Amino acid sequence: MDNEKYYTLTESKTKKWYEDCKKSVKDDKRFYFYENEWVKKIQWEDRYDQCGTNLPIFLACVRGEKYEIIVDDAFFKYSSQ
Protein backbone atom coordinates (compact mmCIF):
# COMPACT_ATOMS: atom_id res chain seq x y z
CA MET A 1 0.00 0.00 0.00
CA ASP A 2 1.35 3.40 -0.92
CA ASN A 3 0.99 6.32 1.49
CA GLU A 4 -0.03 4.10 4.40
CA LYS A 5 -1.07 5.62 7.72
CA TYR A 6 -1.76 3.78 10.97
CA TYR A 7 -4.47 4.51 13.51
CA THR A 8 -5.91 2.95 16.66
CA LEU A 9 -9.56 3.84 17.21
CA THR A 10 -12.57 2.73 19.21
CA GLU A 11 -15.11 0.41 17.63
CA SER A 12 -17.70 3.16 17.11
CA LYS A 13 -15.22 5.57 15.49
CA THR A 14 -13.88 2.78 13.28
CA LYS A 15 -17.36 1.76 12.12
CA LYS A 16 -18.32 5.34 11.31
CA TRP A 17 -15.11 6.02 9.40
CA TYR A 18 -15.40 2.71 7.51
CA GLU A 19 -18.98 3.50 6.47
CA ASP A 20 -17.97 7.00 5.34
CA CYS A 21 -15.04 5.58 3.33
CA LYS A 22 -17.23 2.88 1.84
CA LYS A 23 -19.79 5.47 0.70
CA SER A 24 -17.08 7.56 -0.94
CA VAL A 25 -15.98 4.70 -3.25
CA LYS A 26 -19.18 2.63 -3.49
CA ASP A 27 -19.75 3.43 -7.18
CA ASP A 28 -16.13 2.82 -8.14
CA LYS A 29 -15.92 -0.67 -9.65
CA ARG A 30 -12.16 -0.86 -8.94
CA PHE A 31 -12.88 -1.73 -5.30
CA TYR A 32 -14.78 -4.31 -3.31
CA PHE A 33 -15.72 -4.54 0.34
CA TYR A 34 -15.43 -7.24 2.98
CA GLU A 35 -16.41 -7.12 6.61
CA ASN A 36 -17.16 -9.37 9.54
CA GLU A 37 -17.08 -8.86 13.31
CA TRP A 38 -13.23 -8.73 13.39
CA VAL A 39 -12.21 -7.17 10.06
CA LYS A 40 -13.36 -4.35 7.78
CA LYS A 41 -11.69 -4.00 4.37
CA ILE A 42 -11.92 -2.01 1.19
CA GLN A 43 -9.67 -3.63 -1.42
CA TRP A 44 -8.56 -3.15 -4.98
CA GLU A 45 -10.32 -5.50 -7.37
CA ASP A 46 -7.25 -5.97 -9.60
CA ARG A 47 -4.09 -4.97 -7.70
CA TYR A 48 -2.14 -7.59 -5.79
CA ASP A 49 0.86 -7.98 -3.51
CA GLN A 50 3.68 -10.52 -4.10
CA CYS A 51 1.55 -13.29 -2.51
CA GLY A 52 -1.40 -12.69 -4.84
CA THR A 53 -3.57 -11.01 -2.19
CA ASN A 54 -5.72 -8.04 -3.20
CA LEU A 55 -4.22 -4.82 -1.86
CA PRO A 56 -6.36 -2.97 0.67
CA ILE A 57 -6.90 0.77 0.79
CA PHE A 58 -8.65 0.44 4.17
CA LEU A 59 -7.97 -2.39 6.60
CA ALA A 60 -9.23 -2.47 10.19
CA CYS A 61 -8.69 -5.40 12.58
CA VAL A 62 -9.93 -5.85 16.14
CA ARG A 63 -7.18 -5.81 18.78
CA GLY A 64 -8.75 -6.12 22.23
CA GLU A 65 -11.07 -3.18 22.84
CA LYS A 66 -9.82 -1.14 19.84
CA TYR A 67 -9.31 -1.47 16.10
CA GLU A 68 -5.90 -1.18 14.48
CA ILE A 69 -6.35 0.49 11.11
CA ILE A 70 -4.12 0.88 8.07
CA VAL A 71 -5.34 3.16 5.29
CA ASP A 72 -3.97 4.49 2.05
CA ASP A 73 -3.75 8.20 2.87
CA ALA A 74 -4.14 9.06 -0.82
CA PHE A 75 -7.76 7.85 -0.55
CA PHE A 76 -8.85 8.42 3.04
CA LYS A 77 -7.82 10.93 5.68
CA TYR A 78 -9.02 10.63 9.26
CA SER A 79 -10.55 13.66 10.88
CA SER A 80 -11.43 13.38 14.58
CA GLN A 81 -14.52 15.57 14.44
PDB file of N, CA and C in Angstrom:
ATOM      1  N   MET A   1       0.844  -1.168   0.000  1.00  0.00           N
ATOM      2  CA  MET A   1       0.000   0.000   0.000  1.00  0.00           C
ATOM      3  C   MET A   1       0.895   1.238   0.000  1.00  0.00           C
ATOM      4  N   ASP A   2       0.634   2.125  -0.891  1.00  0.00           N
ATOM      5  CA  ASP A   2       1.349   3.401  -0.923  1.00  0.00           C
ATOM      6  C   ASP A   2       0.721   4.341   0.093  1.00  0.00           C
ATOM      7  N   ASN A   3       1.504   5.261   0.605  1.00  0.00           N
ATOM      8  CA  ASN A   3       0.992   6.317   1.495  1.00  0.00           C
ATOM      9  C   ASN A   3       0.244   5.773   2.711  1.00  0.00           C
ATOM     10  N   GLU A   4       0.729   4.685   3.306  1.00  0.00           N
ATOM     11  CA  GLU A   4      -0.029   4.102   4.400  1.00  0.00           C
ATOM     12  C   GLU A   4       0.116   4.895   5.694  1.00  0.00           C
ATOM     13  N   LYS A   5      -0.998   4.968   6.412  1.00  0.00           N
ATOM     14  CA  LYS A   5      -1.073   5.620   7.718  1.00  0.00           C
ATOM     15  C   LYS A   5      -1.697   4.622   8.684  1.00  0.00           C
ATOM     16  N   TYR A   6      -1.286   4.699   9.941  1.00  0.00           N
ATOM     17  CA  TYR A   6      -1.763   3.777  10.971  1.00  0.00           C
ATOM     18  C   TYR A   6      -2.553   4.541  12.029  1.00  0.00           C
ATOM     19  N   TYR A   7      -3.635   3.921  12.489  1.00  0.00           N
ATOM     20  CA  TYR A   7      -4.474   4.510  13.514  1.00  0.00           C
ATOM     21  C   TYR A   7      -4.934   3.420  14.479  1.00  0.00           C
ATOM     22  N   THR A   8      -5.248   3.811  15.689  1.00  0.00           N
ATOM     23  CA  THR A   8      -5.909   2.949  16.661  1.00  0.00           C
ATOM     24  C   THR A   8      -7.124   3.719  17.144  1.00  0.00           C
ATOM     25  N   LEU A   9      -8.313   3.147  16.888  1.00  0.00           N
ATOM     26  CA  LEU A   9      -9.557   3.843  17.212  1.00  0.00           C
ATOM     27  C   LEU A   9     -10.524   2.912  17.935  1.00  0.00           C
ATOM     28  N   THR A  10     -11.514   3.507  18.568  1.00  0.00           N
ATOM     29  CA  THR A  10     -12.568   2.732  19.215  1.00  0.00           C
ATOM     30  C   THR A  10     -13.429   2.065  18.139  1.00  0.00           C
ATOM     31  N   GLU A  11     -14.237   1.119  18.559  1.00  0.00           N
ATOM     32  CA  GLU A  11     -15.114   0.408  17.626  1.00  0.00           C
ATOM     33  C   GLU A  11     -16.093   1.368  16.947  1.00  0.00           C
ATOM     34  N   SER A  12     -16.700   2.255  17.707  1.00  0.00           N
ATOM     35  CA  SER A  12     -17.695   3.162  17.112  1.00  0.00           C
ATOM     36  C   SER A  12     -17.061   4.129  16.109  1.00  0.00           C
ATOM     37  N   LYS A  13     -15.895   4.669  16.428  1.00  0.00           N
ATOM     38  CA  LYS A  13     -15.219   5.571  15.489  1.00  0.00           C
ATOM     39  C   LYS A  13     -14.769   4.823  14.239  1.00  0.00           C
ATOM     40  N   THR A  14     -14.305   3.585  14.422  1.00  0.00           N
ATOM     41  CA  THR A  14     -13.881   2.779  13.278  1.00  0.00           C
ATOM     42  C   THR A  14     -15.059   2.486  12.362  1.00  0.00           C
ATOM     43  N   LYS A  15     -16.169   2.073  12.929  1.00  0.00           N
ATOM     44  CA  LYS A  15     -17.357   1.755  12.119  1.00  0.00           C
ATOM     45  C   LYS A  15     -17.845   2.972  11.340  1.00  0.00           C
ATOM     46  N   LYS A  16     -17.868   4.129  11.998  1.00  0.00           N
ATOM     47  CA  LYS A  16     -18.320   5.341  11.308  1.00  0.00           C
ATOM     48  C   LYS A  16     -17.383   5.703  10.171  1.00  0.00           C
ATOM     49  N   TRP A  17     -16.088   5.681  10.435  1.00  0.00           N
ATOM     50  CA  TRP A  17     -15.114   6.018   9.401  1.00  0.00           C
ATOM     51  C   TRP A  17     -15.181   5.029   8.243  1.00  0.00           C
ATOM     52  N   TYR A  18     -15.286   3.733   8.555  1.00  0.00           N
ATOM     53  CA  TYR A  18     -15.398   2.713   7.512  1.00  0.00           C
ATOM     54  C   TYR A  18     -16.627   2.967   6.634  1.00  0.00           C
ATOM     55  N   GLU A  19     -17.763   3.242   7.247  1.00  0.00           N
ATOM     56  CA  GLU A  19     -18.979   3.502   6.474  1.00  0.00           C
ATOM     57  C   GLU A  19     -18.826   4.745   5.599  1.00  0.00           C
ATOM     58  N   ASP A  20     -18.206   5.792   6.131  1.00  0.00           N
ATOM     59  CA  ASP A  20     -17.966   7.004   5.336  1.00  0.00           C
ATOM     60  C   ASP A  20     -17.034   6.705   4.157  1.00  0.00           C
ATOM     61  N   CYS A  21     -15.974   5.943   4.400  1.00  0.00           N
ATOM     62  CA  CYS A  21     -15.038   5.584   3.333  1.00  0.00           C
ATOM     63  C   CYS A  21     -15.722   4.723   2.276  1.00  0.00           C
ATOM     64  N   LYS A  22     -16.515   3.778   2.745  1.00  0.00           N
ATOM     65  CA  LYS A  22     -17.229   2.882   1.836  1.00  0.00           C
ATOM     66  C   LYS A  22     -18.171   3.678   0.923  1.00  0.00           C
ATOM     67  N   LYS A  23     -18.885   4.626   1.495  1.00  0.00           N
ATOM     68  CA  LYS A  23     -19.789   5.471   0.699  1.00  0.00           C
ATOM     69  C   LYS A  23     -19.028   6.263  -0.354  1.00  0.00           C
ATOM     70  N   SER A  24     -17.828   6.713  -0.007  1.00  0.00           N
ATOM     71  CA  SER A  24     -17.078   7.558  -0.939  1.00  0.00           C
ATOM     72  C   SER A  24     -16.574   6.801  -2.166  1.00  0.00           C
ATOM     73  N   VAL A  25     -16.455   5.476  -2.096  1.00  0.00           N
ATOM     74  CA  VAL A  25     -15.979   4.702  -3.252  1.00  0.00           C
ATOM     75  C   VAL A  25     -16.988   3.639  -3.713  1.00  0.00           C
ATOM     76  N   LYS A  26     -18.214   3.699  -3.203  1.00  0.00           N
ATOM     77  CA  LYS A  26     -19.184   2.626  -3.489  1.00  0.00           C
ATOM     78  C   LYS A  26     -19.504   2.466  -4.973  1.00  0.00           C
ATOM     79  N   ASP A  27     -19.437   3.531  -5.748  1.00  0.00           N
ATOM     80  CA  ASP A  27     -19.754   3.432  -7.176  1.00  0.00           C
ATOM     81  C   ASP A  27     -18.527   3.168  -8.039  1.00  0.00           C
ATOM     82  N   ASP A  28     -17.380   3.067  -7.417  1.00  0.00           N
ATOM     83  CA  ASP A  28     -16.130   2.825  -8.137  1.00  0.00           C
ATOM     84  C   ASP A  28     -15.906   1.317  -8.242  1.00  0.00           C
ATOM     85  N   LYS A  29     -16.010   0.780  -9.427  1.00  0.00           N
ATOM     86  CA  LYS A  29     -15.923  -0.671  -9.649  1.00  0.00           C
ATOM     87  C   LYS A  29     -14.519  -1.234  -9.457  1.00  0.00           C
ATOM     88  N   ARG A  30     -13.523  -0.372  -9.177  1.00  0.00           N
ATOM     89  CA  ARG A  30     -12.159  -0.863  -8.945  1.00  0.00           C
ATOM     90  C   ARG A  30     -11.994  -1.482  -7.562  1.00  0.00           C
ATOM     91  N   PHE A  31     -12.999  -1.302  -6.693  1.00  0.00           N
ATOM     92  CA  PHE A  31     -12.877  -1.734  -5.305  1.00  0.00           C
ATOM     93  C   PHE A  31     -14.002  -2.679  -4.910  1.00  0.00           C
ATOM     94  N   TYR A  32     -13.721  -3.522  -3.918  1.00  0.00           N
ATOM     95  CA  TYR A  32     -14.785  -4.307  -3.311  1.00  0.00           C
ATOM     96  C   TYR A  32     -14.609  -4.289  -1.800  1.00  0.00           C
ATOM     97  N   PHE A  33     -15.665  -4.674  -1.102  1.00  0.00           N
ATOM     98  CA  PHE A  33     -15.722  -4.540   0.345  1.00  0.00           C
ATOM     99  C   PHE A  33     -15.865  -5.908   0.997  1.00  0.00           C
ATOM    100  N   TYR A  34     -15.281  -6.028   2.180  1.00  0.00           N
ATOM    101  CA  TYR A  34     -15.429  -7.237   2.983  1.00  0.00           C
ATOM    102  C   TYR A  34     -15.468  -6.818   4.446  1.00  0.00           C
ATOM    103  N   GLU A  35     -16.399  -7.397   5.184  1.00  0.00           N
ATOM    104  CA  GLU A  35     -16.406  -7.119   6.612  1.00  0.00           C
ATOM    105  C   GLU A  35     -17.051  -8.275   7.372  1.00  0.00           C
ATOM    106  N   ASN A  36     -16.553  -8.474   8.583  1.00  0.00           N
ATOM    107  CA  ASN A  36     -17.162  -9.372   9.544  1.00  0.00           C
ATOM    108  C   ASN A  36     -16.968  -8.743  10.916  1.00  0.00           C
ATOM    109  N   GLU A  37     -17.157  -9.488  11.982  1.00  0.00           N
ATOM    110  CA  GLU A  37     -17.076  -8.863  13.308  1.00  0.00           C
ATOM    111  C   GLU A  37     -15.659  -8.508  13.733  1.00  0.00           C
ATOM    112  N   TRP A  38     -14.622  -9.005  13.030  1.00  0.00           N
ATOM    113  CA  TRP A  38     -13.228  -8.727  13.387  1.00  0.00           C
ATOM    114  C   TRP A  38     -12.489  -7.848  12.382  1.00  0.00           C
ATOM    115  N   VAL A  39     -12.944  -7.837  11.139  1.00  0.00           N
ATOM    116  CA  VAL A  39     -12.206  -7.174  10.063  1.00  0.00           C
ATOM    117  C   VAL A  39     -13.156  -6.333   9.212  1.00  0.00           C
ATOM    118  N   LYS A  40     -12.646  -5.192   8.753  1.00  0.00           N
ATOM    119  CA  LYS A  40     -13.357  -4.355   7.784  1.00  0.00           C
ATOM    120  C   LYS A  40     -12.338  -3.962   6.721  1.00  0.00           C
ATOM    121  N   LYS A  41     -12.655  -4.261   5.442  1.00  0.00           N
ATOM    122  CA  LYS A  41     -11.688  -4.004   4.369  1.00  0.00           C
ATOM    123  C   LYS A  41     -12.352  -3.377   3.161  1.00  0.00           C
ATOM    124  N   ILE A  42     -11.602  -2.482   2.530  1.00  0.00           N
ATOM    125  CA  ILE A  42     -11.915  -2.008   1.185  1.00  0.00           C
ATOM    126  C   ILE A  42     -10.666  -2.337   0.387  1.00  0.00           C
ATOM    127  N   GLN A  43     -10.822  -3.122  -0.671  1.00  0.00           N
ATOM    128  CA  GLN A  43      -9.673  -3.629  -1.419  1.00  0.00           C
ATOM    129  C   GLN A  43      -9.778  -3.306  -2.896  1.00  0.00           C
ATOM    130  N   TRP A  44      -8.612  -3.264  -3.520  1.00  0.00           N
ATOM    131  CA  TRP A  44      -8.557  -3.154  -4.982  1.00  0.00           C
ATOM    132  C   TRP A  44      -9.099  -4.442  -5.581  1.00  0.00           C
ATOM    133  N   GLU A  45      -9.809  -4.332  -6.655  1.00  0.00           N
ATOM    134  CA  GLU A  45     -10.320  -5.497  -7.373  1.00  0.00           C
ATOM    135  C   GLU A  45      -9.196  -6.185  -8.157  1.00  0.00           C
ATOM    136  N   ASP A  46      -8.229  -5.392  -8.671  1.00  0.00           N
ATOM    137  CA  ASP A  46      -7.253  -5.966  -9.605  1.00  0.00           C
ATOM    138  C   ASP A  46      -5.798  -5.588  -9.313  1.00  0.00           C
ATOM    139  N   ARG A  47      -5.479  -5.237  -8.078  1.00  0.00           N
ATOM    140  CA  ARG A  47      -4.087  -4.965  -7.705  1.00  0.00           C
ATOM    141  C   ARG A  47      -3.709  -5.901  -6.572  1.00  0.00           C
ATOM    142  N   TYR A  48      -2.536  -6.519  -6.708  1.00  0.00           N
ATOM    143  CA  TYR A  48      -2.145  -7.591  -5.792  1.00  0.00           C
ATOM    144  C   TYR A  48      -0.748  -7.361  -5.226  1.00  0.00           C
ATOM    145  N   ASP A  49      -0.494  -7.976  -4.060  1.00  0.00           N
ATOM    146  CA  ASP A  49       0.861  -7.978  -3.510  1.00  0.00           C
ATOM    147  C   ASP A  49       1.625  -9.184  -4.070  1.00  0.00           C
ATOM    148  N   GLN A  50       2.845  -9.431  -3.580  1.00  0.00           N
ATOM    149  CA  GLN A  50       3.677 -10.524  -4.101  1.00  0.00           C
ATOM    150  C   GLN A  50       3.061 -11.901  -3.840  1.00  0.00           C
ATOM    151  N   CYS A  51       2.185 -12.008  -2.847  1.00  0.00           N
ATOM    152  CA  CYS A  51       1.553 -13.291  -2.509  1.00  0.00           C
ATOM    153  C   CYS A  51       0.251 -13.517  -3.275  1.00  0.00           C
ATOM    154  N   GLY A  52      -0.161 -12.553  -4.073  1.00  0.00           N
ATOM    155  CA  GLY A  52      -1.397 -12.688  -4.835  1.00  0.00           C
ATOM    156  C   GLY A  52      -2.635 -12.231  -4.080  1.00  0.00           C
ATOM    157  N   THR A  53      -2.454 -11.508  -2.990  1.00  0.00           N
ATOM    158  CA  THR A  53      -3.571 -11.008  -2.192  1.00  0.00           C
ATOM    159  C   THR A  53      -3.953  -9.609  -2.680  1.00  0.00           C
ATOM    160  N   ASN A  54      -5.262  -9.366  -2.795  1.00  0.00           N
ATOM    161  CA  ASN A  54      -5.723  -8.039  -3.202  1.00  0.00           C
ATOM    162  C   ASN A  54      -5.235  -6.994  -2.205  1.00  0.00           C
ATOM    163  N   LEU A  55      -4.726  -5.886  -2.720  1.00  0.00           N
ATOM    164  CA  LEU A  55      -4.222  -4.821  -1.860  1.00  0.00           C
ATOM    165  C   LEU A  55      -5.369  -4.020  -1.249  1.00  0.00           C
ATOM    166  N   PRO A  56      -5.322  -3.778   0.046  1.00  0.00           N
ATOM    167  CA  PRO A  56      -6.363  -2.972   0.671  1.00  0.00           C
ATOM    168  C   PRO A  56      -6.048  -1.481   0.575  1.00  0.00           C
ATOM    169  N   ILE A  57      -7.093  -0.660   0.599  1.00  0.00           N
ATOM    170  CA  ILE A  57      -6.902   0.775   0.792  1.00  0.00           C
ATOM    171  C   ILE A  57      -7.443   1.176   2.160  1.00  0.00           C
ATOM    172  N   PHE A  58      -8.180   0.261   2.799  1.00  0.00           N
ATOM    173  CA  PHE A  58      -8.653   0.441   4.173  1.00  0.00           C
ATOM    174  C   PHE A  58      -8.694  -0.940   4.801  1.00  0.00           C
ATOM    175  N   LEU A  59      -7.988  -1.107   5.907  1.00  0.00           N
ATOM    176  CA  LEU A  59      -7.969  -2.393   6.602  1.00  0.00           C
ATOM    177  C   LEU A  59      -8.026  -2.137   8.094  1.00  0.00           C
ATOM    178  N   ALA A  60      -9.065  -2.628   8.745  1.00  0.00           N
ATOM    179  CA  ALA A  60      -9.230  -2.467  10.191  1.00  0.00           C
ATOM    180  C   ALA A  60      -9.406  -3.848  10.817  1.00  0.00           C
ATOM    181  N   CYS A  61      -8.636  -4.124  11.875  1.00  0.00           N
ATOM    182  CA  CYS A  61      -8.694  -5.404  12.579  1.00  0.00           C
ATOM    183  C   CYS A  61      -8.875  -5.154  14.073  1.00  0.00           C
ATOM    184  N   VAL A  62      -9.709  -5.970  14.703  1.00  0.00           N
ATOM    185  CA  VAL A  62      -9.933  -5.851  16.144  1.00  0.00           C
ATOM    186  C   VAL A  62      -8.689  -6.300  16.891  1.00  0.00           C
ATOM    187  N   ARG A  63      -8.283  -5.481  17.872  1.00  0.00           N
ATOM    188  CA  ARG A  63      -7.184  -5.808  18.783  1.00  0.00           C
ATOM    189  C   ARG A  63      -7.655  -5.439  20.177  1.00  0.00           C
ATOM    190  N   GLY A  64      -8.214  -6.395  20.896  1.00  0.00           N
ATOM    191  CA  GLY A  64      -8.747  -6.121  22.227  1.00  0.00           C
ATOM    192  C   GLY A  64      -9.984  -5.253  22.150  1.00  0.00           C
ATOM    193  N   GLU A  65      -9.935  -4.108  22.798  1.00  0.00           N
ATOM    194  CA  GLU A  65     -11.066  -3.176  22.835  1.00  0.00           C
ATOM    195  C   GLU A  65     -11.058  -2.194  21.669  1.00  0.00           C
ATOM    196  N   LYS A  66      -9.987  -2.146  20.899  1.00  0.00           N
ATOM    197  CA  LYS A  66      -9.824  -1.139  19.837  1.00  0.00           C
ATOM    198  C   LYS A  66      -9.620  -1.820  18.485  1.00  0.00           C
ATOM    199  N   TYR A  67      -9.649  -1.018  17.447  1.00  0.00           N
ATOM    200  CA  TYR A  67      -9.310  -1.466  16.102  1.00  0.00           C
ATOM    201  C   TYR A  67      -7.964  -0.866  15.706  1.00  0.00           C
ATOM    202  N   GLU A  68      -7.118  -1.682  15.108  1.00  0.00           N
ATOM    203  CA  GLU A  68      -5.904  -1.181  14.476  1.00  0.00           C
ATOM    204  C   GLU A  68      -6.240  -1.017  13.005  1.00  0.00           C
ATOM    205  N   ILE A  69      -5.921   0.146  12.467  1.00  0.00           N
ATOM    206  CA  ILE A  69      -6.346   0.485  11.110  1.00  0.00           C
ATOM    207  C   ILE A  69      -5.138   0.920  10.288  1.00  0.00           C
ATOM    208  N   ILE A  70      -5.103   0.429   9.053  1.00  0.00           N
ATOM    209  CA  ILE A  70      -4.125   0.881   8.066  1.00  0.00           C
ATOM    210  C   ILE A  70      -4.938   1.390   6.884  1.00  0.00           C
ATOM    211  N   VAL A  71      -4.644   2.600   6.455  1.00  0.00           N
ATOM    212  CA  VAL A  71      -5.343   3.161   5.292  1.00  0.00           C
ATOM    213  C   VAL A  71      -4.339   3.730   4.310  1.00  0.00           C
ATOM    214  N   ASP A  72      -4.745   3.799   3.066  1.00  0.00           N
ATOM    215  CA  ASP A  72      -3.973   4.492   2.047  1.00  0.00           C
ATOM    216  C   ASP A  72      -4.385   5.959   2.134  1.00  0.00           C
ATOM    217  N   ASP A  73      -3.475   6.781   2.618  1.00  0.00           N
ATOM    218  CA  ASP A  73      -3.755   8.196   2.870  1.00  0.00           C
ATOM    219  C   ASP A  73      -4.097   8.965   1.589  1.00  0.00           C
ATOM    220  N   ALA A  74      -3.776   8.418   0.441  1.00  0.00           N
ATOM    221  CA  ALA A  74      -4.137   9.061  -0.816  1.00  0.00           C
ATOM    222  C   ALA A  74      -5.654   9.000  -1.039  1.00  0.00           C
ATOM    223  N   PHE A  75      -6.309   8.017  -0.404  1.00  0.00           N
ATOM    224  CA  PHE A  75      -7.761   7.847  -0.548  1.00  0.00           C
ATOM    225  C   PHE A  75      -8.538   8.402   0.631  1.00  0.00           C
ATOM    226  N   PHE A  76      -8.091   8.087   1.848  1.00  0.00           N
ATOM    227  CA  PHE A  76      -8.851   8.417   3.042  1.00  0.00           C
ATOM    228  C   PHE A  76      -7.980   9.116   4.070  1.00  0.00           C
ATOM    229  N   LYS A  77      -8.495  10.200   4.604  1.00  0.00           N
ATOM    230  CA  LYS A  77      -7.819  10.927   5.676  1.00  0.00           C
ATOM    231  C   LYS A  77      -8.750  10.950   6.882  1.00  0.00           C
ATOM    232  N   TYR A  78      -8.197  10.648   8.052  1.00  0.00           N
ATOM    233  CA  TYR A  78      -9.020  10.627   9.257  1.00  0.00           C
ATOM    234  C   TYR A  78      -9.103  12.014   9.876  1.00  0.00           C
ATOM    235  N   SER A  79     -10.308  12.387  10.200  1.00  0.00           N
ATOM    236  CA  SER A  79     -10.546  13.659  10.878  1.00  0.00           C
ATOM    237  C   SER A  79     -11.327  13.355  12.156  1.00  0.00           C
ATOM    238  N   SER A  80     -10.772  13.672  13.296  1.00  0.00           N
ATOM    239  CA  SER A  80     -11.430  13.380  14.580  1.00  0.00           C
ATOM    240  C   SER A  80     -12.409  14.490  14.935  1.00  0.00           C
ATOM    241  N   GLN A  81     -13.528  14.512  14.261  1.00  0.00           N
ATOM    242  CA  GLN A  81     -14.522  15.571  14.443  1.00  0.00           C
ATOM    243  C   GLN A  81     -15.377  15.326  15.649  1.00  0.00           C
TER     244      GLN A  81
END
